[in-house]
Amino acid sequence: MSAQPRLLPWPGPAGQRSYLATDDGNSPLSQLADEMEEVQLQTGAELLDHAAKMLENQKANALELRFLSARLCEALRDALTVAESRGGRLPSPDGEEAEPDKPPTSANGTNG
């Protein structure tokens, strides 16, 4: 099993974070997660384009803008999860295993 579980791009049954622990980065579940991440990032990019056009429209009403804001929040949340998941799978520069949900330590031993 992999020492570092992969954060998956979908929530568990109770809304909690879901992880995959495997040494096979090409397993069917890993491939599905990769595809889902790509869909989430593409959807966010398309939503961002739509938002730019909507904001140019002086006739956009508050309800439309509120709906847009909610979708942008969802897309940003997805993108942050993808970034965290992918960042957690990067090898650390000094060869140490990264700890989940803990920021990397700089060369002088401080965070950041």
C-alpha atoms as a PDB file:
ATOM      1  CA  MET A   1       0.000   0.000   0.000  1.00  0.00           C
ATOM      2  CA  SER A   2       1.061   3.559  -0.643  1.00  0.00           C
ATOM      3  CA  ALA A   3       2.441   5.451   2.347  1.00  0.00           C
ATOM      4  CA  GLN A   4       0.566   8.605   1.271  1.00  0.00           C
ATOM      5  CA  PRO A   5      -3.177   8.118   0.590  1.00  0.00           C
ATOM      6  CA  ARG A   6      -4.598  10.081  -2.330  1.00  0.00           C
ATOM      7  CA  LEU A   7      -7.311  12.643  -1.600  1.00  0.00           C
ATOM      8  CA  LEU A   8     -10.154  11.850  -3.978  1.00  0.00           C
ATOM      9  CA  PRO A   9     -12.141  14.566  -5.795  1.00  0.00           C
ATOM     10  CA  TRP A  10     -15.491  13.485  -4.369  1.00  0.00           C
ATOM     11  CA  PRO A  11     -16.859  13.343  -0.827  1.00  0.00           C
ATOM     12  CA  GLY A  12     -17.672  10.182   1.093  1.00  0.00           C
ATOM     13  CA  PRO A  13     -21.249   9.155   1.940  1.00  0.00           C
ATOM     14  CA  ALA A  14     -21.462  11.528   4.920  1.00  0.00           C
ATOM     15  CA  GLY A  15     -19.706  14.392   3.122  1.00  0.00           C
ATOM     16  CA  GLN A  16     -16.306  13.576   4.635  1.00  0.00           C
ATOM     17  CA  ARG A  17     -13.042  13.541   2.705  1.00  0.00           C
ATOM     18  CA  SER A  18     -12.359  10.334   0.770  1.00  0.00           C
ATOM     19  CA  TYR A  19      -8.930   8.812   0.326  1.00  0.00           C
ATOM     20  CA  LEU A  20      -7.485   6.029  -1.812  1.00  0.00           C
ATOM     21  CA  ALA A  21      -4.541   4.014  -0.540  1.00  0.00           C
ATOM     22  CA  THR A  22      -2.860   2.085  -3.350  1.00  0.00           C
ATOM     23  CA  ASP A  23       0.514   1.620  -4.974  1.00  0.00           C
ATOM     24  CA  ASP A  24      -1.148   1.406  -8.403  1.00  0.00           C
ATOM     25  CA  GLY A  25      -1.520   4.919  -9.801  1.00  0.00           C
ATOM     26  CA  ASN A  26      -3.196   3.386 -12.848  1.00  0.00           C
ATOM     27  CA  SER A  27      -5.895   1.463 -10.994  1.00  0.00           C
ATOM     28  CA  PRO A  28      -9.457   1.929 -12.272  1.00  0.00           C
ATOM     29  CA  LEU A  29     -10.301   4.110  -9.253  1.00  0.00           C
ATOM     30  CA  SER A  30      -7.157   6.226  -9.735  1.00  0.00           C
ATOM     31  CA  GLN A  31      -8.041   6.712 -13.400  1.00  0.00           C
ATOM     32  CA  LEU A  32     -11.612   7.666 -12.502  1.00  0.00           C
ATOM     33  CA  ALA A  33     -10.284  10.208  -9.978  1.00  0.00           C
ATOM     34  CA  ASP A  34      -7.937  11.658 -12.634  1.00  0.00           C
ATOM     35  CA  GLU A  35     -10.848  11.987 -15.074  1.00  0.00           C
ATOM     36  CA  MET A  36     -13.057  13.596 -12.436  1.00  0.00           C
ATOM     37  CA  GLU A  37     -10.343  16.126 -11.568  1.00  0.00           C
ATOM     38  CA  GLU A  38     -10.034  17.063 -15.240  1.00  0.00           C
ATOM     39  CA  VAL A  39     -13.815  17.512 -15.538  1.00  0.00           C
ATOM     40  CA  GLN A  40     -13.866  19.663 -12.400  1.00  0.00           C
ATOM     41  CA  LEU A  41     -11.026  21.888 -13.643  1.00  0.00           C
ATOM     42  CA  GLN A  42     -12.558  22.220 -17.124  1.00  0.00           C
ATOM     43  CA  THR A  43     -15.949  23.083 -15.623  1.00  0.00           C
ATOM     44  CA  GLY A  44     -14.294  25.747 -13.465  1.00  0.00           C
ATOM     45  CA  ALA A  45     -12.566  27.263 -16.502  1.00  0.00           C
ATOM     46  CA  GLU A  46     -15.829  27.349 -18.457  1.00  0.00           C
ATOM     47  CA  LEU A  47     -17.650  28.876 -15.488  1.00  0.00           C
ATOM     48  CA  LEU A  48     -14.969  31.544 -15.177  1.00  0.00           C
ATOM     49  CA  ASP A  49     -15.429  32.465 -18.868  1.00  0.00           C
ATOM     50  CA  HIS A  50     -19.190  32.626 -18.342  1.00  0.00           C
ATOM     51  CA  ALA A  51     -18.735  34.797 -15.255  1.00  0.00           C
ATOM     52  CA  ALA A  52     -16.568  37.283 -17.145  1.00  0.00           C
ATOM     53  CA  LYS A  53     -19.251  37.630 -19.825  1.00  0.00           C
ATOM     54  CA  MET A  54     -22.046  37.925 -17.269  1.00  0.00           C
ATOM     55  CA  LEU A  55     -20.221  40.633 -15.338  1.00  0.00           C
ATOM     56  CA  GLU A  56     -19.913  42.685 -18.534  1.00  0.00           C
ATOM     57  CA  ASN A  57     -23.708  42.558 -18.857  1.00  0.00           C
ATOM     58  CA  GLN A  58     -25.128  45.552 -17.016  1.00  0.00           C
ATOM     59  CA  LYS A  59     -28.549  43.870 -16.992  1.00  0.00           C
ATOM     60  CA  ALA A  60     -27.499  40.862 -14.910  1.00  0.00           C
ATOM     61  CA  ASN A  61     -29.761  40.803 -11.857  1.00  0.00           C
ATOM     62  CA  ALA A  62     -28.970  39.963  -8.243  1.00  0.00           C
ATOM     63  CA  LEU A  63     -30.463  36.459  -8.455  1.00  0.00           C
ATOM     64  CA  GLU A  64     -28.317  35.604 -11.490  1.00  0.00           C
ATOM     65  CA  LEU A  65     -25.206  36.986  -9.816  1.00  0.00           C
ATOM     66  CA  ARG A  66     -25.959  35.107  -6.582  1.00  0.00           C
ATOM     67  CA  PHE A  67     -26.349  31.851  -8.542  1.00  0.00           C
ATOM     68  CA  LEU A  68     -23.097  32.591 -10.375  1.00  0.00           C
ATOM     69  CA  SER A  69     -21.328  33.247  -7.069  1.00  0.00           C
ATOM     70  CA  ALA A  70     -22.507  29.926  -5.650  1.00  0.00           C
ATOM     71  CA  ARG A  71     -21.250  28.026  -8.716  1.00  0.00           C
ATOM     72  CA  LEU A  72     -17.914  29.884  -8.598  1.00  0.00           C
ATOM     73  CA  CYS A  73     -17.522  28.906  -4.927  1.00  0.00           C
ATOM     74  CA  GLU A  74     -18.167  25.262  -5.815  1.00  0.00           C
ATOM     75  CA  ALA A  75     -15.641  25.417  -8.663  1.00  0.00           C
ATOM     76  CA  LEU A  76     -13.013  27.040  -6.448  1.00  0.00           C
ATOM     77  CA  ARG A  77     -13.570  24.427  -3.738  1.00  0.00           C
ATOM     78  CA  ASP A  78     -13.110  21.670  -6.342  1.00  0.00           C
ATOM     79  CA  ALA A  79      -9.961  23.300  -7.727  1.00  0.00           C
ATOM     80  CA  LEU A  80      -8.467  23.627  -4.240  1.00  0.00           C
ATOM     81  CA  THR A  81      -9.180  19.954  -3.551  1.00  0.00           C
ATOM     82  CA  VAL A  82      -7.507  18.979  -6.839  1.00  0.00           C
ATOM     83  CA  ALA A  83      -4.487  21.151  -5.996  1.00  0.00           C
ATOM     84  CA  GLU A  84      -4.230  19.643  -2.512  1.00  0.00           C
ATOM     85  CA  SER A  85      -4.539  16.116  -3.877  1.00  0.00           C
ATOM     86  CA  ARG A  86      -1.944  16.648  -6.576  1.00  0.00           C
ATOM     87  CA  GLY A  87       0.385  18.498  -4.229  1.00  0.00           C
ATOM     88  CA  GLY A  88       0.165  15.657  -1.740  1.00  0.00           C
ATOM     89  CA  ARG A  89       1.399  13.254  -4.401  1.00  0.00           C
ATOM     90  CA  LEU A  90       4.486  15.289  -5.309  1.00  0.00           C
ATOM     91  CA  PRO A  91       7.762  13.961  -3.989  1.00  0.00           C
ATOM     92  CA  SER A  92       9.296  16.235  -1.385  1.00  0.00           C
ATOM     93  CA  PRO A  93      12.625  17.827  -2.333  1.00  0.00           C
ATOM     94  CA  ASP A  94      14.511  16.160   0.523  1.00  0.00           C
ATOM     95  CA  GLY A  95      12.997  12.732  -0.113  1.00  0.00           C
ATOM     96  CA  GLU A  96      10.899  12.681   3.072  1.00  0.00           C
ATOM     97  CA  GLU A  97       7.292  11.607   2.937  1.00  0.00           C
ATOM     98  CA  ALA A  98       4.900  14.561   3.222  1.00  0.00           C
ATOM     99  CA  GLU A  99       2.392  14.450   6.062  1.00  0.00           C
ATOM    100  CA  PRO A 100      -1.236  14.902   4.967  1.00  0.00           C
ATOM    101  CA  ASP A 101      -2.863  18.231   5.856  1.00  0.00           C
ATOM    102  CA  LYS A 102       0.448  19.622   7.143  1.00  0.00           C
ATOM    103  CA  PRO A 103       2.318  22.379   5.284  1.00  0.00           C
ATOM    104  CA  PRO A 104       5.828  21.517   4.127  1.00  0.00           C
ATOM    105  CA  THR A 105       8.729  22.639   6.292  1.00  0.00           C
ATOM    106  CA  SER A 106      11.295  25.038   4.839  1.00  0.00           C
ATOM    107  CA  ALA A 107      15.053  24.440   4.959  1.00  0.00           C
ATOM    108  CA  ASN A 108      15.402  26.380   8.246  1.00  0.00           C
ATOM    109  CA  GLY A 109      12.810  24.200   9.965  1.00  0.00           C
ATOM    110  CA  THR A 110       9.933  26.700   9.939  1.00  0.00           C
ATOM    111  CA  ASN A 111       6.630  26.321   8.145  1.00  0.00           C
ATOM    112  CA  GLY A 112       6.046  28.425   5.077  1.00  0.00           C
END
